[in-house]
Amino acid sequence: MKKSAIATALAIGAMSIGLAFANPQQAVNQVRDNSNQVLAILKKANGKNDAAVRREAENYAVPYFDFDLMTRVAVGAPWNQASEAQKQELVKEHRAMLIRTYSRQMLMYKNAKVDIKGNPVVKNGGKLLGNKQIVEVHAVIQAPGQQPVQAVFSTYQDGKVYRVFNVSFEGVFDLVRGQKKQFEPVLKEKGVEGLIADLKAKNGGK
């Protein structure tokens, strides 16, 4: 889904947050500020420097996603049976696949308008996050010539930053759940090693 490209790139950044519990407004400010930064990077593209602009946007975005958590949720129960080496491979290949898939589409949204809403929803992360709070930041994304899209960035506080571990759209498309649906048949048929091999193949590896 092309609309997911800009959203996965927007929910990023770092801001000093020194509280023990989640501060919802800080999460909103962080996503808003950094969405502006990402769009500013993308607007540098002129047709000749597109690859360099994409790399700059990727380098800016990637540190603020929790790929370990995204992979653990997408893999589901088999994650608990995987060895440490397998877990590292799963995260590495899943991360590479997500970056490869969505970075290609970033420049299509360089002129998008992003309205980060000031009404975050706070939830208990439960076992998934060790009872840390989840702060869901809502946004409306509108690319030129397209209908506006409602997006939700799921974040949690990790030290002084909020880290993104999922993005959903219109209550229909869910990034991590979508990956989970893709992984389930592979895991059932081939197991963890089969999923690793499948991801490597998609990433152009062996």
N, C-alpha and C. Protein backbone atom coordinates (compact mmCIF):
# COMPACT_ATOMS: atom_id res chain seq x y z
N MET A 1 0.86 -1.20 0.00
CA MET A 1 0.00 0.00 0.00
C MET A 1 0.88 1.24 0.00
N LYS A 2 0.76 2.05 -1.04
CA LYS A 2 1.68 3.17 -1.21
C LYS A 2 1.54 4.20 -0.10
N LYS A 3 0.33 4.39 0.42
CA LYS A 3 0.14 5.41 1.45
C LYS A 3 0.95 5.12 2.70
N SER A 4 1.33 3.86 2.87
CA SER A 4 2.09 3.50 4.07
C SER A 4 3.51 4.03 4.02
N ALA A 5 4.02 4.34 2.84
CA ALA A 5 5.41 4.75 2.72
C ALA A 5 5.70 6.02 3.51
N ILE A 6 4.89 7.06 3.26
CA ILE A 6 5.17 8.31 3.95
C ILE A 6 4.92 8.18 5.44
N ALA A 7 3.90 7.41 5.82
CA ALA A 7 3.57 7.28 7.23
C ALA A 7 4.68 6.60 8.01
N THR A 8 5.27 5.56 7.42
CA THR A 8 6.34 4.88 8.12
C THR A 8 7.56 5.77 8.24
N ALA A 9 7.71 6.70 7.32
CA ALA A 9 8.84 7.62 7.39
C ALA A 9 8.58 8.79 8.33
N LEU A 10 7.33 9.09 8.62
CA LEU A 10 7.00 10.29 9.38
C LEU A 10 7.10 10.10 10.90
N ALA A 11 6.75 8.90 11.37
CA ALA A 11 6.66 8.69 12.81
C ALA A 11 8.03 8.45 13.40
N ILE A 12 8.89 9.46 13.43
CA ILE A 12 10.27 9.28 13.81
C ILE A 12 10.77 10.48 14.59
N GLY A 13 12.02 10.41 15.05
CA GLY A 13 12.69 11.57 15.62
C GLY A 13 13.06 11.40 17.06
N ALA A 14 13.74 12.38 17.60
CA ALA A 14 14.16 12.35 18.98
C ALA A 14 13.85 13.67 19.65
N MET A 15 13.40 13.61 20.90
CA MET A 15 13.11 14.80 21.68
C MET A 15 13.39 14.47 23.14
N SER A 16 13.97 15.38 23.89
CA SER A 16 14.30 15.11 25.28
C SER A 16 13.04 14.94 26.10
N ILE A 17 12.91 13.74 26.70
CA ILE A 17 11.76 13.41 27.53
C ILE A 17 12.29 12.71 28.77
N GLY A 18 12.18 13.33 29.93
CA GLY A 18 12.78 12.77 31.11
C GLY A 18 11.81 12.23 32.12
N LEU A 19 10.62 11.80 31.69
CA LEU A 19 9.61 11.34 32.61
C LEU A 19 9.57 9.83 32.68
N ALA A 20 9.14 9.30 33.81
CA ALA A 20 9.07 7.86 33.99
C ALA A 20 7.91 7.27 33.22
N PHE A 21 6.83 8.04 33.04
CA PHE A 21 5.66 7.56 32.33
C PHE A 21 5.51 8.32 31.02
N ALA A 22 4.74 7.73 30.13
CA ALA A 22 4.55 8.35 28.83
C ALA A 22 3.91 9.72 28.95
N ASN A 23 4.42 10.67 28.18
CA ASN A 23 3.85 12.00 28.11
C ASN A 23 3.22 12.14 26.73
N PRO A 24 1.90 11.98 26.64
CA PRO A 24 1.26 11.95 25.33
C PRO A 24 1.56 13.15 24.45
N GLN A 25 1.58 14.35 25.04
CA GLN A 25 1.80 15.53 24.22
C GLN A 25 3.22 15.56 23.66
N GLN A 26 4.17 15.01 24.40
CA GLN A 26 5.54 14.93 23.89
C GLN A 26 5.59 14.02 22.67
N ALA A 27 4.85 12.94 22.72
CA ALA A 27 4.80 12.04 21.57
C ALA A 27 4.22 12.76 20.36
N VAL A 28 3.14 13.52 20.57
CA VAL A 28 2.53 14.28 19.48
C VAL A 28 3.52 15.29 18.91
N ASN A 29 4.18 16.03 19.79
CA ASN A 29 5.14 17.03 19.34
C ASN A 29 6.28 16.40 18.54
N GLN A 30 6.73 15.24 19.02
CA GLN A 30 7.83 14.57 18.33
C GLN A 30 7.43 14.15 16.93
N VAL A 31 6.27 13.52 16.80
CA VAL A 31 5.81 13.07 15.49
C VAL A 31 5.57 14.26 14.56
N ARG A 32 4.97 15.32 15.10
CA ARG A 32 4.71 16.51 14.28
C ARG A 32 6.00 17.15 13.80
N ASP A 33 6.93 17.35 14.72
CA ASP A 33 8.20 17.99 14.36
C ASP A 33 8.96 17.17 13.33
N ASN A 34 9.00 15.87 13.55
CA ASN A 34 9.81 15.05 12.67
C ASN A 34 9.12 14.73 11.35
N SER A 35 7.81 14.80 11.30
CA SER A 35 7.14 14.68 10.00
C SER A 35 7.54 15.86 9.13
N ASN A 36 7.65 17.03 9.73
CA ASN A 36 8.09 18.20 8.99
C ASN A 36 9.52 18.04 8.49
N GLN A 37 10.37 17.43 9.32
CA GLN A 37 11.76 17.22 8.94
C GLN A 37 11.86 16.25 7.76
N VAL A 38 11.08 15.19 7.81
CA VAL A 38 11.11 14.21 6.72
C VAL A 38 10.64 14.84 5.42
N LEU A 39 9.55 15.59 5.48
CA LEU A 39 9.05 16.24 4.27
C LEU A 39 10.07 17.23 3.72
N ALA A 40 10.78 17.92 4.61
CA ALA A 40 11.80 18.87 4.17
C ALA A 40 12.92 18.13 3.43
N ILE A 41 13.29 16.95 3.92
CA ILE A 41 14.32 16.15 3.24
C ILE A 41 13.82 15.72 1.86
N LEU A 42 12.60 15.21 1.80
CA LEU A 42 12.06 14.70 0.54
C LEU A 42 11.93 15.79 -0.51
N LYS A 43 11.65 17.01 -0.06
CA LYS A 43 11.48 18.12 -1.01
C LYS A 43 12.79 18.50 -1.70
N LYS A 44 13.92 17.99 -1.23
CA LYS A 44 15.20 18.26 -1.89
C LYS A 44 15.33 17.52 -3.22
N ALA A 45 14.51 16.49 -3.40
CA ALA A 45 14.62 15.67 -4.61
C ALA A 45 14.34 16.48 -5.86
N ASN A 46 15.19 16.32 -6.86
CA ASN A 46 15.02 17.06 -8.10
C ASN A 46 15.09 16.17 -9.34
N GLY A 47 15.01 14.87 -9.13
CA GLY A 47 15.09 13.95 -10.25
C GLY A 47 16.48 13.42 -10.50
N LYS A 48 17.49 14.20 -10.11
CA LYS A 48 18.87 13.77 -10.29
C LYS A 48 19.48 13.23 -9.00
N ASN A 49 18.92 13.66 -7.88
CA ASN A 49 19.50 13.27 -6.58
C ASN A 49 18.55 12.39 -5.78
N ASP A 50 17.59 11.76 -6.45
CA ASP A 50 16.55 11.03 -5.74
C ASP A 50 17.10 9.94 -4.83
N ALA A 51 18.07 9.18 -5.30
CA ALA A 51 18.62 8.09 -4.50
C ALA A 51 19.27 8.63 -3.22
N ALA A 52 20.00 9.74 -3.35
CA ALA A 52 20.66 10.33 -2.19
C ALA A 52 19.63 10.86 -1.20
N VAL A 53 18.55 11.45 -1.70
CA VAL A 53 17.50 11.97 -0.83
C VAL A 53 16.81 10.83 -0.08
N ARG A 54 16.55 9.74 -0.79
CA ARG A 54 15.93 8.58 -0.12
C ARG A 54 16.83 8.06 0.99
N ARG A 55 18.13 7.98 0.72
CA ARG A 55 19.07 7.50 1.76
C ARG A 55 19.08 8.43 2.96
N GLU A 56 19.04 9.73 2.70
CA GLU A 56 19.03 10.69 3.81
C GLU A 56 17.78 10.51 4.66
N ALA A 57 16.64 10.33 4.00
CA ALA A 57 15.39 10.12 4.73
C ALA A 57 15.43 8.82 5.52
N GLU A 58 15.97 7.76 4.91
CA GLU A 58 16.10 6.48 5.59
C GLU A 58 16.99 6.61 6.82
N ASN A 59 18.15 7.23 6.64
CA ASN A 59 19.09 7.37 7.76
C ASN A 59 18.48 8.15 8.91
N TYR A 60 17.64 9.10 8.58
CA TYR A 60 16.98 9.89 9.60
C TYR A 60 15.90 9.08 10.33
N ALA A 61 15.19 8.26 9.56
CA ALA A 61 14.02 7.58 10.12
C ALA A 61 14.36 6.31 10.89
N VAL A 62 15.22 5.50 10.32
CA VAL A 62 15.43 4.14 10.82
C VAL A 62 15.75 4.05 12.31
N PRO A 63 16.59 4.91 12.88
CA PRO A 63 16.93 4.75 14.30
C PRO A 63 15.74 4.88 15.25
N TYR A 64 14.62 5.39 14.78
CA TYR A 64 13.50 5.64 15.68
C TYR A 64 12.34 4.65 15.49
N PHE A 65 12.62 3.58 14.78
CA PHE A 65 11.68 2.46 14.72
C PHE A 65 12.23 1.33 15.58
N ASP A 66 11.35 0.60 16.22
CA ASP A 66 11.77 -0.57 16.99
C ASP A 66 11.56 -1.81 16.13
N PHE A 67 12.54 -2.13 15.32
CA PHE A 67 12.43 -3.28 14.42
C PHE A 67 12.43 -4.60 15.17
N ASP A 68 13.09 -4.63 16.31
CA ASP A 68 13.07 -5.85 17.12
C ASP A 68 11.64 -6.18 17.55
N LEU A 69 10.93 -5.18 18.07
CA LEU A 69 9.57 -5.40 18.53
C LEU A 69 8.64 -5.69 17.36
N MET A 70 8.81 -4.96 16.27
CA MET A 70 7.98 -5.18 15.09
C MET A 70 8.13 -6.62 14.60
N THR A 71 9.36 -7.12 14.59
CA THR A 71 9.61 -8.48 14.12
C THR A 71 9.04 -9.50 15.09
N ARG A 72 9.23 -9.26 16.38
CA ARG A 72 8.72 -10.20 17.39
C ARG A 72 7.20 -10.35 17.28
N VAL A 73 6.50 -9.24 17.10
CA VAL A 73 5.05 -9.29 16.99
C VAL A 73 4.64 -9.96 15.68
N ALA A 74 5.32 -9.66 14.60
CA ALA A 74 4.98 -10.23 13.30
C ALA A 74 5.21 -11.74 13.25
N VAL A 75 6.26 -12.19 13.91
CA VAL A 75 6.57 -13.63 13.93
C VAL A 75 5.63 -14.38 14.86
N GLY A 76 5.27 -13.75 15.97
CA GLY A 76 4.33 -14.38 16.89
C GLY A 76 4.97 -15.46 17.74
N ALA A 77 4.20 -16.48 18.07
CA ALA A 77 4.64 -17.53 19.00
C ALA A 77 5.96 -18.21 18.60
N PRO A 78 6.21 -18.47 17.32
CA PRO A 78 7.48 -19.10 16.95
C PRO A 78 8.72 -18.32 17.38
N TRP A 79 8.54 -17.03 17.64
CA TRP A 79 9.67 -16.22 18.11
C TRP A 79 10.26 -16.82 19.40
N ASN A 80 9.40 -17.32 20.25
CA ASN A 80 9.86 -17.85 21.54
C ASN A 80 10.66 -19.14 21.39
N GLN A 81 10.48 -19.84 20.29
CA GLN A 81 11.23 -21.08 20.06
C GLN A 81 12.50 -20.84 19.25
N ALA A 82 12.65 -19.64 18.71
CA ALA A 82 13.82 -19.34 17.89
C ALA A 82 15.06 -19.14 18.75
N SER A 83 16.21 -19.51 18.21
CA SER A 83 17.48 -19.27 18.91
C SER A 83 17.83 -17.80 18.82
N GLU A 84 18.80 -17.36 19.60
CA GLU A 84 19.22 -15.96 19.55
C GLU A 84 19.76 -15.60 18.18
N ALA A 85 20.50 -16.53 17.59
CA ALA A 85 21.04 -16.28 16.25
C ALA A 85 19.91 -16.14 15.23
N GLN A 86 18.89 -16.97 15.35
CA GLN A 86 17.74 -16.88 14.44
C GLN A 86 16.99 -15.57 14.63
N LYS A 87 16.83 -15.15 15.88
CA LYS A 87 16.14 -13.89 16.15
C LYS A 87 16.88 -12.72 15.51
N GLN A 88 18.19 -12.73 15.62
CA GLN A 88 18.99 -11.66 15.02
C GLN A 88 18.83 -11.64 13.51
N GLU A 89 18.80 -12.83 12.90
CA GLU A 89 18.62 -12.92 11.45
C GLU A 89 17.23 -12.45 11.04
N LEU A 90 16.23 -12.83 11.83
CA LEU A 90 14.86 -12.41 11.52
C LEU A 90 14.74 -10.89 11.54
N VAL A 91 15.28 -10.27 12.57
CA VAL A 91 15.20 -8.81 12.69
C VAL A 91 15.96 -8.15 11.54
N LYS A 92 17.13 -8.65 11.26
CA LYS A 92 17.97 -8.08 10.20
C LYS A 92 17.25 -8.12 8.85
N GLU A 93 16.69 -9.28 8.51
CA GLU A 93 16.06 -9.43 7.19
C GLU A 93 14.71 -8.72 7.12
N HIS A 94 13.96 -8.75 8.22
CA HIS A 94 12.67 -8.04 8.25
C HIS A 94 12.90 -6.54 8.11
N ARG A 95 13.87 -6.03 8.83
CA ARG A 95 14.23 -4.61 8.75
C ARG A 95 14.59 -4.23 7.31
N ALA A 96 15.44 -5.05 6.69
CA ALA A 96 15.87 -4.77 5.32
C ALA A 96 14.69 -4.78 4.36
N MET A 97 13.77 -5.72 4.55
CA MET A 97 12.61 -5.81 3.67
C MET A 97 11.71 -4.58 3.80
N LEU A 98 11.45 -4.15 5.03
CA LEU A 98 10.60 -2.99 5.24
C LEU A 98 11.22 -1.73 4.64
N ILE A 99 12.51 -1.54 4.87
CA ILE A 99 13.18 -0.35 4.34
C ILE A 99 13.16 -0.38 2.82
N ARG A 100 13.48 -1.53 2.25
CA ARG A 100 13.50 -1.67 0.79
C ARG A 100 12.12 -1.40 0.20
N THR A 101 11.09 -1.93 0.82
CA THR A 101 9.73 -1.81 0.29
C THR A 101 9.23 -0.38 0.32
N TYR A 102 9.40 0.30 1.45
CA TYR A 102 8.76 1.61 1.61
C TYR A 102 9.63 2.78 1.18
N SER A 103 10.93 2.62 1.21
CA SER A 103 11.77 3.75 0.78
C SER A 103 11.60 4.04 -0.70
N ARG A 104 11.24 3.04 -1.48
CA ARG A 104 11.04 3.24 -2.91
C ARG A 104 9.92 4.24 -3.19
N GLN A 105 8.96 4.31 -2.29
CA GLN A 105 7.76 5.10 -2.54
C GLN A 105 7.77 6.48 -1.85
N MET A 106 8.80 6.74 -1.08
CA MET A 106 8.83 7.98 -0.30
C MET A 106 8.63 9.23 -1.15
N LEU A 107 9.36 9.30 -2.26
CA LEU A 107 9.36 10.53 -3.04
C LEU A 107 8.01 10.84 -3.67
N MET A 108 7.14 9.84 -3.74
CA MET A 108 5.80 10.09 -4.27
C MET A 108 5.00 11.00 -3.35
N TYR A 109 5.47 11.13 -2.11
CA TYR A 109 4.72 11.89 -1.11
C TYR A 109 5.47 13.13 -0.62
N LYS A 110 6.43 13.60 -1.42
CA LYS A 110 7.21 14.74 -0.96
C LYS A 110 6.38 16.02 -0.85
N ASN A 111 5.25 16.08 -1.56
CA ASN A 111 4.38 17.25 -1.49
C ASN A 111 3.11 16.99 -0.69
N ALA A 112 3.14 15.94 0.10
CA ALA A 112 1.97 15.61 0.93
C ALA A 112 1.81 16.62 2.06
N LYS A 113 0.57 16.75 2.51
CA LYS A 113 0.28 17.56 3.68
C LYS A 113 -0.03 16.60 4.84
N VAL A 114 0.60 16.85 5.96
CA VAL A 114 0.44 15.97 7.12
C VAL A 114 -0.07 16.77 8.30
N ASP A 115 -1.22 16.40 8.79
CA ASP A 115 -1.83 17.08 9.93
C ASP A 115 -1.78 16.14 11.13
N ILE A 116 -0.85 16.40 12.04
CA ILE A 116 -0.73 15.59 13.25
C ILE A 116 -1.72 16.10 14.28
N LYS A 117 -2.63 15.26 14.71
CA LYS A 117 -3.69 15.66 15.63
C LYS A 117 -3.18 15.69 17.07
N GLY A 118 -3.79 16.56 17.86
CA GLY A 118 -3.39 16.72 19.26
C GLY A 118 -4.21 15.90 20.23
N ASN A 119 -4.76 14.78 19.75
CA ASN A 119 -5.62 13.96 20.60
C ASN A 119 -5.08 12.53 20.73
N PRO A 120 -3.90 12.35 21.29
CA PRO A 120 -3.33 11.00 21.38
C PRO A 120 -4.15 10.09 22.30
N VAL A 121 -4.08 8.81 22.03
CA VAL A 121 -4.76 7.81 22.86
C VAL A 121 -3.70 7.02 23.61
N VAL A 122 -3.86 6.95 24.92
CA VAL A 122 -2.88 6.23 25.75
C VAL A 122 -3.47 4.89 26.17
N LYS A 123 -2.68 3.83 25.99
CA LYS A 123 -3.10 2.49 26.36
C LYS A 123 -1.99 1.81 27.16
N ASN A 124 -2.38 0.79 27.92
CA ASN A 124 -1.38 0.00 28.64
C ASN A 124 -0.79 -1.01 27.68
N GLY A 125 0.55 -1.02 27.57
CA GLY A 125 1.21 -1.94 26.65
C GLY A 125 1.21 -3.38 27.10
N GLY A 126 0.85 -3.62 28.38
CA GLY A 126 0.78 -4.99 28.89
C GLY A 126 2.08 -5.75 28.75
N LYS A 127 1.97 -7.05 28.53
CA LYS A 127 3.17 -7.90 28.43
C LYS A 127 4.02 -7.51 27.23
N LEU A 128 3.39 -7.04 26.18
CA LEU A 128 4.12 -6.69 24.97
C LEU A 128 5.22 -5.68 25.25
N LEU A 129 4.93 -4.70 26.10
CA LEU A 129 5.88 -3.62 26.40
C LEU A 129 6.28 -3.58 27.86
N GLY A 130 6.06 -4.67 28.57
CA GLY A 130 6.42 -4.68 29.99
C GLY A 130 5.64 -3.64 30.77
N ASN A 131 4.35 -3.48 30.40
CA ASN A 131 3.44 -2.53 31.05
C ASN A 131 3.77 -1.07 30.79
N LYS A 132 4.68 -0.79 29.85
CA LYS A 132 4.87 0.59 29.43
C LYS A 132 3.63 1.05 28.69
N GLN A 133 3.42 2.35 28.68
CA GLN A 133 2.25 2.89 28.02
C GLN A 133 2.47 3.03 26.52
N ILE A 134 1.44 2.71 25.77
CA ILE A 134 1.43 2.95 24.33
C ILE A 134 0.76 4.30 24.09
N VAL A 135 1.38 5.15 23.29
CA VAL A 135 0.76 6.42 22.90
C VAL A 135 0.49 6.35 21.40
N GLU A 136 -0.79 6.36 21.05
CA GLU A 136 -1.19 6.34 19.65
C GLU A 136 -1.39 7.77 19.16
N VAL A 137 -0.58 8.16 18.20
CA VAL A 137 -0.64 9.51 17.64
C VAL A 137 -1.42 9.44 16.32
N HIS A 138 -2.47 10.25 16.23
CA HIS A 138 -3.34 10.24 15.06
C HIS A 138 -2.94 11.35 14.08
N ALA A 139 -3.12 11.06 12.81
CA ALA A 139 -2.75 12.03 11.77
C ALA A 139 -3.65 11.88 10.56
N VAL A 140 -3.69 12.93 9.75
CA VAL A 140 -4.36 12.89 8.45
C VAL A 140 -3.30 13.22 7.40
N ILE A 141 -3.13 12.31 6.44
CA ILE A 141 -2.12 12.47 5.40
C ILE A 141 -2.82 12.64 4.06
N GLN A 142 -2.46 13.70 3.34
CA GLN A 142 -3.09 13.93 2.04
C GLN A 142 -2.02 14.23 1.00
N ALA A 143 -1.90 13.32 0.05
CA ALA A 143 -1.01 13.53 -1.08
C ALA A 143 -1.77 14.23 -2.18
N PRO A 144 -1.10 15.01 -3.03
CA PRO A 144 -1.78 15.73 -4.11
C PRO A 144 -2.60 14.79 -4.98
N GLY A 145 -3.85 15.16 -5.22
CA GLY A 145 -4.70 14.38 -6.09
C GLY A 145 -5.30 13.14 -5.46
N GLN A 146 -5.08 12.95 -4.15
CA GLN A 146 -5.61 11.77 -3.47
C GLN A 146 -6.50 12.18 -2.31
N GLN A 147 -7.35 11.26 -1.89
CA GLN A 147 -8.19 11.51 -0.74
C GLN A 147 -7.35 11.46 0.53
N PRO A 148 -7.70 12.24 1.56
CA PRO A 148 -6.95 12.18 2.82
C PRO A 148 -7.06 10.81 3.47
N VAL A 149 -6.00 10.43 4.14
CA VAL A 149 -5.93 9.11 4.78
C VAL A 149 -5.73 9.31 6.28
N GLN A 150 -6.54 8.62 7.08
CA GLN A 150 -6.39 8.63 8.53
C GLN A 150 -5.31 7.62 8.92
N ALA A 151 -4.33 8.06 9.69
CA ALA A 151 -3.25 7.17 10.10
C ALA A 151 -3.08 7.21 11.62
N VAL A 152 -2.58 6.12 12.16
CA VAL A 152 -2.29 6.04 13.60
C VAL A 152 -0.88 5.48 13.76
N PHE A 153 -0.03 6.23 14.46
CA PHE A 153 1.32 5.79 14.76
C PHE A 153 1.36 5.27 16.19
N SER A 154 1.67 4.01 16.37
CA SER A 154 1.77 3.43 17.71
C SER A 154 3.19 3.59 18.22
N THR A 155 3.34 4.30 19.34
CA THR A 155 4.66 4.60 19.88
C THR A 155 4.73 4.24 21.36
N TYR A 156 5.95 4.14 21.86
CA TYR A 156 6.14 4.00 23.30
C TYR A 156 7.43 4.71 23.67
N GLN A 157 7.53 5.10 24.92
CA GLN A 157 8.70 5.85 25.37
C GLN A 157 9.86 4.92 25.64
N ASP A 158 10.99 5.22 25.02
CA ASP A 158 12.22 4.45 25.19
C ASP A 158 13.33 5.42 25.54
N GLY A 159 13.55 5.61 26.83
CA GLY A 159 14.52 6.62 27.26
C GLY A 159 14.02 8.01 26.95
N LYS A 160 14.73 8.73 26.12
CA LYS A 160 14.37 10.11 25.82
C LYS A 160 13.63 10.27 24.49
N VAL A 161 13.27 9.17 23.88
CA VAL A 161 12.56 9.26 22.60
C VAL A 161 11.32 8.38 22.63
N TYR A 162 10.44 8.63 21.68
CA TYR A 162 9.32 7.73 21.44
C TYR A 162 9.66 6.88 20.22
N ARG A 163 9.48 5.59 20.35
CA ARG A 163 9.83 4.66 19.27
C ARG A 163 8.55 4.12 18.64
N VAL A 164 8.56 4.05 17.34
CA VAL A 164 7.40 3.57 16.57
C VAL A 164 7.51 2.06 16.39
N PHE A 165 6.41 1.36 16.68
CA PHE A 165 6.43 -0.09 16.47
C PHE A 165 5.27 -0.57 15.61
N ASN A 166 4.42 0.34 15.17
CA ASN A 166 3.37 -0.04 14.24
C ASN A 166 2.74 1.20 13.64
N VAL A 167 2.18 1.05 12.45
CA VAL A 167 1.46 2.12 11.77
C VAL A 167 0.22 1.49 11.14
N SER A 168 -0.92 2.14 11.31
CA SER A 168 -2.16 1.63 10.70
C SER A 168 -2.86 2.75 9.96
N PHE A 169 -3.73 2.36 9.00
CA PHE A 169 -4.41 3.32 8.14
C PHE A 169 -5.89 3.00 8.04
N GLU A 170 -6.71 4.00 8.27
CA GLU A 170 -8.15 3.90 8.08
C GLU A 170 -8.77 2.74 8.86
N GLY A 171 -8.07 2.24 9.86
CA GLY A 171 -8.58 1.12 10.63
C GLY A 171 -8.62 -0.18 9.84
N VAL A 172 -7.98 -0.17 8.66
CA VAL A 172 -8.00 -1.35 7.79
C VAL A 172 -6.60 -1.94 7.62
N PHE A 173 -5.68 -1.13 7.10
CA PHE A 173 -4.32 -1.61 6.89
C PHE A 173 -3.52 -1.43 8.17
N ASP A 174 -2.89 -2.51 8.60
CA ASP A 174 -2.05 -2.49 9.80
C ASP A 174 -0.71 -3.10 9.41
N LEU A 175 0.37 -2.31 9.51
CA LEU A 175 1.68 -2.73 9.02
C LEU A 175 2.13 -4.06 9.63
N VAL A 176 2.15 -4.14 10.96
CA VAL A 176 2.68 -5.34 11.61
C VAL A 176 1.73 -6.53 11.43
N ARG A 177 0.44 -6.30 11.55
CA ARG A 177 -0.51 -7.39 11.35
C ARG A 177 -0.45 -7.91 9.92
N GLY A 178 -0.23 -7.00 8.99
CA GLY A 178 -0.08 -7.41 7.60
C GLY A 178 1.13 -8.31 7.41
N GLN A 179 2.24 -7.95 8.07
CA GLN A 179 3.43 -8.79 8.01
C GLN A 179 3.17 -10.14 8.66
N LYS A 180 2.45 -10.13 9.76
CA LYS A 180 2.14 -11.37 10.47
C LYS A 180 1.36 -12.33 9.57
N LYS A 181 0.39 -11.81 8.83
CA LYS A 181 -0.40 -12.65 7.93
C LYS A 181 0.47 -13.25 6.83
N GLN A 182 1.46 -12.49 6.39
CA GLN A 182 2.37 -13.00 5.36
C GLN A 182 3.30 -14.07 5.93
N PHE A 183 3.71 -13.89 7.18
CA PHE A 183 4.67 -14.82 7.79
C PHE A 183 4.03 -16.14 8.20
N GLU A 184 2.78 -16.10 8.62
CA GLU A 184 2.15 -17.28 9.23
C GLU A 184 2.22 -18.53 8.35
N PRO A 185 1.82 -18.48 7.07
CA PRO A 185 1.89 -19.70 6.25
C PRO A 185 3.31 -20.20 6.04
N VAL A 186 4.26 -19.28 5.94
CA VAL A 186 5.66 -19.68 5.76
C VAL A 186 6.16 -20.38 7.01
N LEU A 187 5.85 -19.82 8.18
CA LEU A 187 6.27 -20.43 9.44
C LEU A 187 5.63 -21.79 9.63
N LYS A 188 4.38 -21.92 9.25
CA LYS A 188 3.66 -23.18 9.41
C LYS A 188 4.26 -24.27 8.53
N GLU A 189 4.63 -23.89 7.32
CA GLU A 189 5.14 -24.87 6.36
C GLU A 189 6.64 -25.13 6.50
N LYS A 190 7.41 -24.06 6.77
CA LYS A 190 8.87 -24.18 6.72
C LYS A 190 9.58 -23.87 8.03
N GLY A 191 8.85 -23.33 9.01
CA GLY A 191 9.48 -23.00 10.28
C GLY A 191 10.29 -21.71 10.22
N VAL A 192 11.00 -21.43 11.30
CA VAL A 192 11.77 -20.19 11.42
C VAL A 192 12.85 -20.11 10.36
N GLU A 193 13.57 -21.20 10.14
CA GLU A 193 14.65 -21.18 9.14
C GLU A 193 14.08 -20.91 7.75
N GLY A 194 12.89 -21.45 7.50
CA GLY A 194 12.26 -21.21 6.21
C GLY A 194 11.88 -19.76 6.02
N LEU A 195 11.41 -19.12 7.10
CA LEU A 195 11.06 -17.70 7.01
C LEU A 195 12.31 -16.85 6.78
N ILE A 196 13.38 -17.19 7.47
CA ILE A 196 14.63 -16.45 7.28
C ILE A 196 15.09 -16.57 5.82
N ALA A 197 15.04 -17.78 5.29
CA ALA A 197 15.44 -18.00 3.90
C ALA A 197 14.54 -17.23 2.94
N ASP A 198 13.24 -17.20 3.24
CA ASP A 198 12.28 -16.49 2.40
C ASP A 198 12.57 -14.99 2.40
N LEU A 199 12.83 -14.43 3.57
CA LEU A 199 13.13 -13.00 3.68
C LEU A 199 14.43 -12.67 2.95
N LYS A 200 15.44 -13.54 3.10
CA LYS A 200 16.71 -13.31 2.42
C LYS A 200 16.53 -13.30 0.91
N ALA A 201 15.71 -14.21 0.42
CA ALA A 201 15.46 -14.28 -1.01
C ALA A 201 14.79 -13.00 -1.51
N LYS A 202 13.81 -12.49 -0.75
CA LYS A 202 13.13 -11.27 -1.13
C LYS A 202 14.06 -10.06 -1.09
N ASN A 203 15.05 -10.13 -0.21
CA ASN A 203 16.00 -9.02 -0.07
C ASN A 203 17.18 -9.16 -1.05
N GLY A 204 17.14 -10.20 -1.88
CA GLY A 204 18.20 -10.38 -2.86
C GLY A 204 19.39 -11.13 -2.35
N GLY A 205 19.25 -11.75 -1.16
CA GLY A 205 20.36 -12.52 -0.61
C GLY A 205 20.22 -13.98 -0.96
N LYS A 206 21.06 -14.80 -0.31
CA LYS A 206 21.04 -16.24 -0.57
C LYS A 206 20.67 -16.98 0.70
